[in-house]
């Protein structure tokens, strides 16, 4: 019984899985932030192009 408890306490595979999960979550947050930022910039760029094209078509 003592060896079973000792072996259970030395097993770190669960901790490793949790660490990998936390790293994956952090990477996901960074990707979401980057995509949101780029999306906002693209929206601004396309709105600017649209307004300039509309102004060019209305002399």
PDB file of N, CA and C in Angstrom:
ATOM      1  N   UNK A   1       0.822  -1.192   0.000  1.00  0.00           N
ATOM      2  CA  UNK A   1       0.000   0.000   0.000  1.00  0.00           C
ATOM      3  C   UNK A   1       0.863   1.251   0.000  1.00  0.00           C
ATOM      4  N   UNK A   2       1.950   1.197   0.747  1.00  0.00           N
ATOM      5  CA  UNK A   2       2.849   2.331   0.824  1.00  0.00           C
ATOM      6  C   UNK A   2       3.477   2.631  -0.535  1.00  0.00           C
ATOM      7  N   UNK A   3       3.825   1.581  -1.265  1.00  0.00           N
ATOM      8  CA  UNK A   3       4.435   1.787  -2.583  1.00  0.00           C
ATOM      9  C   UNK A   3       3.419   2.358  -3.569  1.00  0.00           C
ATOM     10  N   UNK A   4       2.158   1.995  -3.430  1.00  0.00           N
ATOM     11  CA  UNK A   4       1.117   2.524  -4.305  1.00  0.00           C
ATOM     12  C   UNK A   4       0.961   4.024  -4.102  1.00  0.00           C
ATOM     13  N   UNK A   5       0.932   4.470  -2.850  1.00  0.00           N
ATOM     14  CA  UNK A   5       0.818   5.896  -2.542  1.00  0.00           C
ATOM     15  C   UNK A   5       2.065   6.627  -3.019  1.00  0.00           C
ATOM     16  N   UNK A   6       3.213   6.034  -2.794  1.00  0.00           N
ATOM     17  CA  UNK A   6       4.470   6.640  -3.228  1.00  0.00           C
ATOM     18  C   UNK A   6       4.511   6.794  -4.745  1.00  0.00           C
ATOM     19  N   UNK A   7       4.081   5.765  -5.445  1.00  0.00           N
ATOM     20  CA  UNK A   7       4.066   5.812  -6.904  1.00  0.00           C
ATOM     21  C   UNK A   7       3.066   6.859  -7.400  1.00  0.00           C
ATOM     22  N   UNK A   8       1.927   6.968  -6.732  1.00  0.00           N
ATOM     23  CA  UNK A   8       0.921   7.958  -7.110  1.00  0.00           C
ATOM     24  C   UNK A   8       1.452   9.372  -6.937  1.00  0.00           C
ATOM     25  N   UNK A   9       2.174   9.629  -5.856  1.00  0.00           N
ATOM     26  CA  UNK A   9       2.709  10.966  -5.605  1.00  0.00           C
ATOM     27  C   UNK A   9       3.826  11.328  -6.572  1.00  0.00           C
ATOM     28  N   UNK A  10       4.559  10.348  -7.065  1.00  0.00           N
ATOM     29  CA  UNK A  10       5.654  10.610  -7.995  1.00  0.00           C
ATOM     30  C   UNK A  10       5.175  10.760  -9.435  1.00  0.00           C
ATOM     31  N   UNK A  11       3.970  10.320  -9.732  1.00  0.00           N
ATOM     32  CA  UNK A  11       3.435  10.392 -11.084  1.00  0.00           C
ATOM     33  C   UNK A  11       3.131  11.849 -11.429  1.00  0.00           C
ATOM     34  N   UNK A  12       3.792  12.381 -12.447  1.00  0.00           N
ATOM     35  CA  UNK A  12       3.617  13.783 -12.823  1.00  0.00           C
ATOM     36  C   UNK A  12       2.935  13.937 -14.176  1.00  0.00           C
ATOM     37  N   UNK A  13       2.376  12.893 -14.722  1.00  0.00           N
ATOM     38  CA  UNK A  13       1.760  13.004 -16.041  1.00  0.00           C
ATOM     39  C   UNK A  13       0.529  13.908 -16.018  1.00  0.00           C
ATOM     40  N   UNK A  14      -0.223  13.907 -14.931  1.00  0.00           N
ATOM     41  CA  UNK A  14      -1.379  14.784 -14.823  1.00  0.00           C
ATOM     42  C   UNK A  14      -0.967  16.243 -14.768  1.00  0.00           C
ATOM     43  N   UNK A  15       0.097  16.534 -14.033  1.00  0.00           N
ATOM     44  CA  UNK A  15       0.592  17.901 -13.944  1.00  0.00           C
ATOM     45  C   UNK A  15       1.088  18.374 -15.301  1.00  0.00           C
ATOM     46  N   UNK A  16       1.728  17.491 -16.043  1.00  0.00           N
ATOM     47  CA  UNK A  16       2.218  17.850 -17.365  1.00  0.00           C
ATOM     48  C   UNK A  16       1.053  18.160 -18.299  1.00  0.00           C
ATOM     49  N   UNK A  17       0.001  17.369 -18.227  1.00  0.00           N
ATOM     50  CA  UNK A  17      -1.176  17.613 -19.067  1.00  0.00           C
ATOM     51  C   UNK A  17      -1.804  18.960 -18.733  1.00  0.00           C
ATOM     52  N   UNK A  18      -1.862  19.293 -17.470  1.00  0.00           N
ATOM     53  CA  UNK A  18      -2.412  20.590 -17.059  1.00  0.00           C
ATOM     54  C   UNK A  18      -1.544  21.726 -17.576  1.00  0.00           C
ATOM     55  N   UNK A  19      -0.232  21.569 -17.504  1.00  0.00           N
ATOM     56  CA  UNK A  19       0.680  22.593 -18.010  1.00  0.00           C
ATOM     57  C   UNK A  19       0.491  22.794 -19.509  1.00  0.00           C
ATOM     58  N   UNK A  20       0.380  21.703 -20.259  1.00  0.00           N
ATOM     59  CA  UNK A  20       0.159  21.819 -21.694  1.00  0.00           C
ATOM     60  C   UNK A  20      -1.184  22.479 -21.975  1.00  0.00           C
ATOM     61  N   UNK A  21      -2.185  22.171 -21.180  1.00  0.00           N
ATOM     62  CA  UNK A  21      -3.492  22.811 -21.342  1.00  0.00           C
ATOM     63  C   UNK A  21      -3.429  24.306 -21.099  1.00  0.00           C
ATOM     64  N   UNK A  22      -2.689  24.718 -20.083  1.00  0.00           N
ATOM     65  CA  UNK A  22      -2.537  26.149 -19.797  1.00  0.00           C
ATOM     66  C   UNK A  22      -1.776  26.860 -20.913  1.00  0.00           C
ATOM     67  N   UNK A  23      -0.753  26.218 -21.438  1.00  0.00           N
ATOM     68  CA  UNK A  23       0.002  26.809 -22.549  1.00  0.00           C
ATOM     69  C   UNK A  23      -0.900  26.951 -23.773  1.00  0.00           C
ATOM     70  N   UNK A  24      -1.685  25.923 -24.076  1.00  0.00           N
ATOM     71  CA  UNK A  24      -2.597  25.986 -25.220  1.00  0.00           C
ATOM     72  C   UNK A  24      -3.632  27.095 -25.031  1.00  0.00           C
ATOM     73  N   UNK A  25      -4.132  27.262 -23.822  1.00  0.00           N
ATOM     74  CA  UNK A  25      -5.106  28.317 -23.548  1.00  0.00           C
ATOM     75  C   UNK A  25      -4.478  29.701 -23.735  1.00  0.00           C
ATOM     76  N   UNK A  26      -3.255  29.866 -23.287  1.00  0.00           N
ATOM     77  CA  UNK A  26      -2.557  31.144 -23.448  1.00  0.00           C
ATOM     78  C   UNK A  26      -2.331  31.452 -24.927  1.00  0.00           C
ATOM     79  N   UNK A  27      -1.925  30.451 -25.687  1.00  0.00           N
ATOM     80  CA  UNK A  27      -1.723  30.643 -27.124  1.00  0.00           C
ATOM     81  C   UNK A  27      -3.046  31.009 -27.792  1.00  0.00           C
ATOM     82  N   UNK A  28      -4.134  30.363 -27.384  1.00  0.00           N
ATOM     83  CA  UNK A  28      -5.446  30.669 -27.949  1.00  0.00           C
ATOM     84  C   UNK A  28      -5.851  32.109 -27.660  1.00  0.00           C
ATOM     85  N   UNK A  29      -5.592  32.583 -26.463  1.00  0.00           N
ATOM     86  CA  UNK A  29      -5.930  33.967 -26.105  1.00  0.00           C
ATOM     87  C   UNK A  29      -5.132  34.944 -26.965  1.00  0.00           C
ATOM     88  N   UNK A  30      -3.847  34.665 -27.177  1.00  0.00           N
ATOM     89  CA  UNK A  30      -3.006  35.531 -28.001  1.00  0.00           C
ATOM     90  C   UNK A  30      -3.510  35.537 -29.446  1.00  0.00           C
ATOM     91  N   UNK A  31      -3.875  34.378 -29.966  1.00  0.00           N
ATOM     92  CA  UNK A  31      -4.382  34.299 -31.339  1.00  0.00           C
ATOM     93  C   UNK A  31      -5.691  35.067 -31.469  1.00  0.00           C
ATOM     94  N   UNK A  32      -6.592  34.918 -30.502  1.00  0.00           N
ATOM     95  CA  UNK A  32      -7.868  35.636 -30.540  1.00  0.00           C
ATOM     96  C   UNK A  32      -7.636  37.144 -30.513  1.00  0.00           C
ATOM     97  N   UNK A  33      -6.722  37.587 -29.663  1.00  0.00           N
ATOM     98  CA  UNK A  33      -6.409  39.020 -29.584  1.00  0.00           C
ATOM     99  C   UNK A  33      -5.843  39.523 -30.907  1.00  0.00           C
ATOM    100  N   UNK A  34      -4.923  38.767 -31.512  1.00  0.00           N
ATOM    101  CA  UNK A  34      -4.307  39.179 -32.777  1.00  0.00           C
ATOM    102  C   UNK A  34      -5.332  39.230 -33.902  1.00  0.00           C
ATOM    103  N   UNK A  35      -6.196  38.224 -33.987  1.00  0.00           N
ATOM    104  CA  UNK A  35      -7.207  38.190 -35.052  1.00  0.00           C
ATOM    105  C   UNK A  35      -8.203  39.337 -34.873  1.00  0.00           C
ATOM    106  N   UNK A  36      -8.587  39.620 -33.655  1.00  0.00           N
ATOM    107  CA  UNK A  36      -9.504  40.723 -33.389  1.00  0.00           C
ATOM    108  C   UNK A  36      -8.877  42.057 -33.784  1.00  0.00           C
ATOM    109  N   UNK A  37      -7.620  42.218 -33.439  1.00  0.00           N
ATOM    110  CA  UNK A  37      -6.916  43.457 -33.772  1.00  0.00           C
ATOM    111  C   UNK A  37      -6.791  43.635 -35.276  1.00  0.00           C
ATOM    112  N   UNK A  38      -6.403  42.583 -35.972  1.00  0.00           N
ATOM    113  CA  UNK A  38      -6.272  42.650 -37.429  1.00  0.00           C
ATOM    114  C   UNK A  38      -7.637  42.884 -38.061  1.00  0.00           C
ATOM    115  N   UNK A  39      -8.669  42.247 -37.548  1.00  0.00           N
ATOM    116  CA  UNK A  39     -10.014  42.441 -38.074  1.00  0.00           C
ATOM    117  C   UNK A  39     -10.475  43.878 -37.954  1.00  0.00           C
ATOM    118  N   UNK A  40     -10.176  44.504 -36.838  1.00  0.00           N
ATOM    119  CA  UNK A  40     -10.535  45.902 -36.626  1.00  0.00           C
ATOM    120  C   UNK A  40      -9.794  46.799 -37.615  1.00  0.00           C
ATOM    121  N   UNK A  41      -8.524  46.517 -37.811  1.00  0.00           N
ATOM    122  CA  UNK A  41      -7.738  47.301 -38.770  1.00  0.00           C
ATOM    123  C   UNK A  41      -8.270  47.134 -40.187  1.00  0.00           C
ATOM    124  N   UNK A  42      -8.627  45.905 -40.560  1.00  0.00           N
ATOM    125  CA  UNK A  42      -9.174  45.662 -41.899  1.00  0.00           C
ATOM    126  C   UNK A  42     -10.502  46.365 -42.091  1.00  0.00           C
ATOM    127  N   UNK A  43     -11.338  46.350 -41.073  1.00  0.00           N
ATOM    128  CA  UNK A  43     -12.625  47.038 -41.160  1.00  0.00           C
ATOM    129  C   UNK A  43     -12.414  48.527 -41.387  1.00  0.00           C
ATOM    130  N   UNK A  44     -11.489  49.118 -40.657  1.00  0.00           N
ATOM    131  CA  UNK A  44     -11.189  50.534 -40.826  1.00  0.00           C
ATOM    132  C   UNK A  44     -10.667  50.817 -42.224  1.00  0.00           C
ATOM    133  N   UNK A  45      -9.775  49.967 -42.711  1.00  0.00           N
ATOM    134  CA  UNK A  45      -9.211  50.156 -44.052  1.00  0.00           C
ATOM    135  C   UNK A  45     -10.289  50.062 -45.125  1.00  0.00           C
ATOM    136  N   UNK A  46     -11.139  49.056 -45.052  1.00  0.00           N
ATOM    137  CA  UNK A  46     -12.193  48.900 -46.052  1.00  0.00           C
ATOM    138  C   UNK A  46     -13.220  50.037 -45.977  1.00  0.00           C
ATOM    139  N   UNK A  47     -13.514  50.518 -44.797  1.00  0.00           N
ATOM    140  CA  UNK A  47     -14.431  51.651 -44.674  1.00  0.00           C
ATOM    141  C   UNK A  47     -13.834  52.904 -45.302  1.00  0.00           C
ATOM    142  N   UNK A  48     -12.540  53.109 -45.118  1.00  0.00           N
ATOM    143  CA  UNK A  48     -11.860  54.252 -45.730  1.00  0.00           C
ATOM    144  C   UNK A  48     -11.897  54.147 -47.253  1.00  0.00           C
ATOM    145  N   UNK A  49     -11.603  52.965 -47.771  1.00  0.00           N
ATOM    146  CA  UNK A  49     -11.635  52.755 -49.219  1.00  0.00           C
ATOM    147  C   UNK A  49     -13.041  52.981 -49.757  1.00  0.00           C
ATOM    148  N   UNK A  50     -14.039  52.476 -49.050  1.00  0.00           N
ATOM    149  CA  UNK A  50     -15.420  52.641 -49.493  1.00  0.00           C
ATOM    150  C   UNK A  50     -15.807  54.112 -49.540  1.00  0.00           C
ATOM    151  N   UNK A  51     -15.454  54.875 -48.527  1.00  0.00           N
ATOM    152  CA  UNK A  51     -15.827  56.286 -48.513  1.00  0.00           C
ATOM    153  C   UNK A  51     -15.090  57.060 -49.606  1.00  0.00           C
ATOM    154  N   UNK A  52     -13.827  56.711 -49.877  1.00  0.00           N
ATOM    155  CA  UNK A  52     -13.089  57.405 -50.931  1.00  0.00           C
ATOM    156  C   UNK A  52     -13.635  57.050 -52.313  1.00  0.00           C
ATOM    157  N   UNK A  53     -14.021  55.810 -52.520  1.00  0.00           N
ATOM    158  CA  UNK A  53     -14.625  55.426 -53.795  1.00  0.00           C
ATOM    159  C   UNK A  53     -15.978  56.094 -53.980  1.00  0.00           C
ATOM    160  N   UNK A  54     -16.754  56.189 -52.918  1.00  0.00           N
ATOM    161  CA  UNK A  54     -18.060  56.857 -53.004  1.00  0.00           C
ATOM    162  C   UNK A  54     -17.870  58.337 -53.324  1.00  0.00           C
ATOM    163  N   UNK A  55     -16.877  58.962 -52.717  1.00  0.00           N
ATOM    164  CA  UNK A  55     -16.611  60.369 -52.985  1.00  0.00           C
ATOM    165  C   UNK A  55     -16.113  60.561 -54.420  1.00  0.00           C
ATOM    166  N   UNK A  56     -15.345  59.628 -54.928  1.00  0.00           N
ATOM    167  CA  UNK A  56     -14.828  59.741 -56.298  1.00  0.00           C
ATOM    168  C   UNK A  56     -15.945  59.555 -57.326  1.00  0.00           C
ATOM    169  N   UNK A  57     -16.967  58.768 -57.005  1.00  0.00           N
ATOM    170  CA  UNK A  57     -18.079  58.550 -57.935  1.00  0.00           C
ATOM    171  C   UNK A  57     -19.105  59.659 -57.918  1.00  0.00           C
ATOM    172  N   UNK A  58     -19.070  60.513 -56.924  1.00  0.00           N
ATOM    173  CA  UNK A  58     -20.011  61.637 -56.824  1.00  0.00           C
ATOM    174  C   UNK A  58     -19.265  62.938 -57.023  1.00  0.00           C
ATOM    175  N   UNK A  59     -19.172  63.383 -58.269  1.00  0.00           N
ATOM    176  CA  UNK A  59     -18.400  64.621 -58.518  1.00  0.00           C
ATOM    177  C   UNK A  59     -19.082  65.861 -58.010  1.00  0.00           C
TER     178      UNK A  59
END
